[in-house]
Protein backbone atom coordinates (compact mmCIF):
# COMPACT_ATOMS: atom_id res chain seq x y z
CA LEU A 1 102.46 80.11 93.44
CA ASN A 2 100.45 82.35 91.67
CA SER A 3 98.18 79.65 90.60
CA ALA A 4 94.55 78.92 91.36
CA PRO A 5 95.32 75.66 93.86
CA LEU A 6 97.84 77.36 95.23
CA TRP A 7 95.42 80.02 96.51
CA TRP A 8 93.23 77.32 97.54
CA ILE A 9 95.60 75.64 99.68
CA ILE A 10 96.27 79.08 101.33
CA ARG A 11 93.20 79.93 101.61
CA GLN A 12 93.11 76.75 103.88
CA ILE A 13 96.02 77.29 105.85
CA ALA A 14 96.55 81.09 106.27
CA ALA A 15 95.48 83.55 108.22
CA SER A 16 93.05 86.23 106.89
CA LYS A 17 93.42 89.87 108.57
CA GLN A 18 90.83 92.68 108.21
CA ASN A 19 89.84 93.80 104.57
CA GLY A 20 90.18 90.47 103.00
CA TYR A 21 94.20 90.45 103.19
CA PHE A 22 95.98 87.25 104.06
CA GLU A 23 98.97 86.90 105.81
CA PHE A 24 101.62 85.19 104.21
CA LYS A 25 104.08 84.53 106.91
CA PRO A 26 107.19 81.91 106.50
CA MET A 27 105.16 79.20 108.30
CA TYR A 28 102.06 79.87 105.93
CA VAL A 29 104.57 79.66 102.90
CA ARG A 30 106.98 77.26 103.90
CA PRO A 31 104.99 73.94 103.90
CA LEU A 32 103.01 74.91 100.43
CA PRO A 33 103.34 72.00 98.29
CA ILE A 34 105.42 72.65 95.30
CA PRO A 35 105.67 69.90 92.71
CA PRO A 36 108.00 68.73 90.76
CA ALA A 37 108.85 70.28 87.41
CA SER A 38 109.68 69.61 84.19
CA ALA A 39 112.58 72.20 82.80
CA ALA A 40 110.29 72.97 79.86
CA ASP A 41 107.36 73.45 82.03
CA LYS A 42 109.43 75.93 84.57
CA ALA A 43 110.13 77.77 81.23
CA ARG A 44 106.86 77.63 80.03
CA LEU A 45 105.45 79.21 83.17
CA SER A 46 108.16 81.80 83.82
CA GLU A 47 107.39 82.53 79.96
CA LEU A 48 103.66 83.10 81.14
CA ALA A 49 104.07 84.41 84.50
CA GLU A 50 106.43 87.53 82.10
CA ALA A 51 103.68 87.86 79.95
CA CYS A 52 100.93 88.19 82.82
CA ALA A 53 102.82 90.58 84.62
CA ALA A 54 103.30 92.45 81.40
CA ALA A 55 99.33 92.28 80.15
CA ALA A 56 98.34 93.61 84.05
CA GLN A 57 101.05 96.43 83.22
CA ARG A 58 98.69 97.22 79.87
CA GLY A 59 95.63 96.73 81.56
CA ASP A 60 95.10 93.97 79.28
CA GLU A 61 92.45 91.58 81.39
CA GLU A 62 91.63 89.47 78.36
CA THR A 63 95.14 88.04 77.63
CA LEU A 64 96.23 87.87 81.22
CA ALA A 65 92.87 85.94 81.89
CA VAL A 66 94.10 83.23 79.26
CA HIS A 67 97.39 83.17 80.39
CA GLU A 68 96.50 82.57 83.57
CA ALA A 69 94.23 80.32 82.74
CA GLU A 70 97.21 78.06 80.92
CA ILE A 71 98.66 78.39 83.91
CA ASP A 72 96.26 77.03 86.03
CA GLN A 73 96.25 74.01 83.27
CA ILE A 74 99.88 73.50 83.70
CA VAL A 75 99.43 73.44 87.59
CA TYR A 76 96.79 71.10 87.86
CA ARG A 77 98.82 68.39 85.74
CA LEU A 78 101.95 68.97 87.92
CA PHE A 79 99.30 68.58 90.85
CA ASP A 80 97.40 65.72 89.05
CA LEU A 81 94.54 66.87 89.75
CA THR A 82 91.22 64.74 88.27
CA PRO A 83 88.66 66.33 85.96
CA GLU A 84 86.51 65.74 88.97
CA GLU A 85 88.67 68.04 91.57
CA ILE A 86 89.78 70.94 89.30
CA PRO A 87 86.34 72.25 89.22
CA LEU A 88 85.94 71.90 93.10
CA ILE A 89 88.98 74.19 93.22
CA GLU A 90 87.84 77.22 90.84
CA SER A 91 84.23 76.88 92.11
CA SER A 92 85.50 77.48 95.34
CA LEU A 93 87.42 80.42 94.55
CA ALA A 94 85.27 82.07 92.28
CA PRO A 95 83.01 83.37 94.93
CA LEU A 96 85.37 84.60 96.29
CA GLY A 97 86.88 87.01 93.14
CA LEU A 98 90.15 85.08 93.58
CA ARG A 99 89.71 83.89 89.67
CA GLN A 100 89.92 87.48 88.95
CA PRO A 101 93.41 88.46 87.17
CA CYS A 102 94.09 91.02 89.77
CA CYS A 103 94.73 89.07 92.50
CA ARG A 104 97.77 87.03 90.95
CA PHE A 105 99.39 89.83 88.82
CA ARG A 106 99.31 93.25 90.12
CA GLU A 107 99.60 95.05 93.19
CA ALA A 108 97.25 93.42 96.27
CA SER A 109 94.47 95.66 97.22
CA PRO A 110 91.42 94.65 99.53
CA ASP A 111 89.32 93.98 96.78
CA CYS A 112 91.58 91.68 94.98
CA LEU A 113 92.26 89.09 98.24
CA PRO A 114 89.43 88.69 99.91
CA SER A 115 89.12 85.91 102.59
């Protein structure tokens, strides 16, 4: 769930709240498309998520950004996104700050979840 493609989808379907929060009710989360992944992909995504959490806890933004980028690349592949589609997703999230590492692996704050 902590990937650029799913943040893009959330922005399309979830209700936004004051101060830039999104509402993560089951009605918004349940229909999220989760592509099938191999055991190797699941294991790698799990390793990366743990590494991201550790990097965020240490305040290591550079390592966090590297791991998040790898997560995104795996998820792009799982969604069969084309090289033309990836920049569209990334460019739509960048001005909103959703490409910032804090948005996915730190406790949410109004600064991290703009609508």
